[in-house]
Amino acid sequence: MEHINGGHIALGFVGFLFLVLQVWWISLTLKNGRNERFDVNLNQTNEIKKRLEKLFYS
């Protein structure tokens, strides 16, 4: 087996850390996107409900 240089170990560690942070960031972004879409849909539903109530009860 060849001699492993300390620079190779450091580069591997930085690459691994980068990969872990990317996975964490992507999962966080997807989770926030789902919550945001739910809030938008809920707000739109409430607006539609108010318009319909105004239309029917006027």
C-alpha atoms as a PDB file:
ATOM      1  CA  MET A   1       0.000   0.000   0.000  1.00  0.00           C
ATOM      2  CA  GLU A   2       1.296   3.423  -0.877  1.00  0.00           C
ATOM      3  CA  HIS A   3       2.046   6.013   1.735  1.00  0.00           C
ATOM      4  CA  ILE A   4      -1.019   8.197   2.361  1.00  0.00           C
ATOM      5  CA  ASN A   5      -0.194  11.884   2.475  1.00  0.00           C
ATOM      6  CA  GLY A   6      -1.713  14.085   5.199  1.00  0.00           C
ATOM      7  CA  GLY A   7      -3.056  16.386   2.489  1.00  0.00           C
ATOM      8  CA  HIS A   8      -5.086  13.537   1.027  1.00  0.00           C
ATOM      9  CA  ILE A   9      -6.663  12.854   4.419  1.00  0.00           C
ATOM     10  CA  ALA A  10      -7.487  16.535   4.929  1.00  0.00           C
ATOM     11  CA  LEU A  11      -8.942  16.816   1.429  1.00  0.00           C
ATOM     12  CA  GLY A  12     -11.046  13.692   2.002  1.00  0.00           C
ATOM     13  CA  PHE A  13     -12.313  15.073   5.307  1.00  0.00           C
ATOM     14  CA  VAL A  14     -13.256  18.433   3.754  1.00  0.00           C
ATOM     15  CA  GLY A  15     -15.004  16.628   0.878  1.00  0.00           C
ATOM     16  CA  PHE A  16     -16.955  14.451   3.296  1.00  0.00           C
ATOM     17  CA  LEU A  17     -17.921  17.462   5.422  1.00  0.00           C
ATOM     18  CA  PHE A  18     -19.034  19.328   2.294  1.00  0.00           C
ATOM     19  CA  LEU A  19     -21.198  16.376   1.222  1.00  0.00           C
ATOM     20  CA  VAL A  20     -22.838  16.113   4.667  1.00  0.00           C
ATOM     21  CA  LEU A  21     -23.583  19.848   4.753  1.00  0.00           C
ATOM     22  CA  GLN A  22     -25.060  19.733   1.233  1.00  0.00           C
ATOM     23  CA  VAL A  23     -27.419  16.893   2.184  1.00  0.00           C
ATOM     24  CA  TRP A  24     -28.433  18.766   5.341  1.00  0.00           C
ATOM     25  CA  TRP A  25     -29.024  22.018   3.406  1.00  0.00           C
ATOM     26  CA  ILE A  26     -31.080  20.320   0.684  1.00  0.00           C
ATOM     27  CA  SER A  27     -33.266  18.471   3.208  1.00  0.00           C
ATOM     28  CA  LEU A  28     -33.822  21.707   5.144  1.00  0.00           C
ATOM     29  CA  THR A  29     -34.748  23.556   1.953  1.00  0.00           C
ATOM     30  CA  LEU A  30     -37.197  20.865   0.861  1.00  0.00           C
ATOM     31  CA  LYS A  31     -38.806  20.770   4.298  1.00  0.00           C
ATOM     32  CA  ASN A  32     -39.262  24.561   4.329  1.00  0.00           C
ATOM     33  CA  GLY A  33     -40.682  24.482   0.812  1.00  0.00           C
ATOM     34  CA  ARG A  34     -43.325  21.969   1.853  1.00  0.00           C
ATOM     35  CA  ASN A  35     -44.353  24.052   4.861  1.00  0.00           C
ATOM     36  CA  GLU A  36     -44.466  27.212   2.785  1.00  0.00           C
ATOM     37  CA  ARG A  37     -46.678  25.586   0.155  1.00  0.00           C
ATOM     38  CA  PHE A  38     -49.024  24.386   2.899  1.00  0.00           C
ATOM     39  CA  ASP A  39     -49.287  27.901   4.338  1.00  0.00           C
ATOM     40  CA  VAL A  40     -49.988  29.373   0.900  1.00  0.00           C
ATOM     41  CA  ASN A  41     -52.676  26.782   0.226  1.00  0.00           C
ATOM     42  CA  LEU A  42     -54.222  27.414   3.644  1.00  0.00           C
ATOM     43  CA  ASN A  43     -54.278  31.176   3.032  1.00  0.00           C
ATOM     44  CA  GLN A  44     -55.815  30.709  -0.414  1.00  0.00           C
ATOM     45  CA  THR A  45     -58.431  28.375   1.054  1.00  0.00           C
ATOM     46  CA  ASN A  46     -59.341  30.930   3.702  1.00  0.00           C
ATOM     47  CA  GLU A  47     -59.626  33.683   1.087  1.00  0.00           C
ATOM     48  CA  ILE A  48     -61.868  31.530  -1.108  1.00  0.00           C
ATOM     49  CA  LYS A  49     -63.995  30.649   1.923  1.00  0.00           C
ATOM     50  CA  LYS A  50     -64.427  34.328   2.832  1.00  0.00           C
ATOM     51  CA  ARG A  51     -65.355  35.273  -0.753  1.00  0.00           C
ATOM     52  CA  LEU A  52     -67.914  32.470  -0.936  1.00  0.00           C
ATOM     53  CA  GLU A  53     -69.433  33.403   2.424  1.00  0.00           C
ATOM     54  CA  LYS A  54     -69.680  37.015   1.310  1.00  0.00           C
ATOM     55  CA  LEU A  55     -71.298  35.940  -1.961  1.00  0.00           C
ATOM     56  CA  PHE A  56     -73.848  33.570  -0.385  1.00  0.00           C
ATOM     57  CA  TYR A  57     -74.709  35.599   2.719  1.00  0.00           C
ATOM     58  CA  SER A  58     -75.040  38.989   0.992  1.00  0.00           C
END
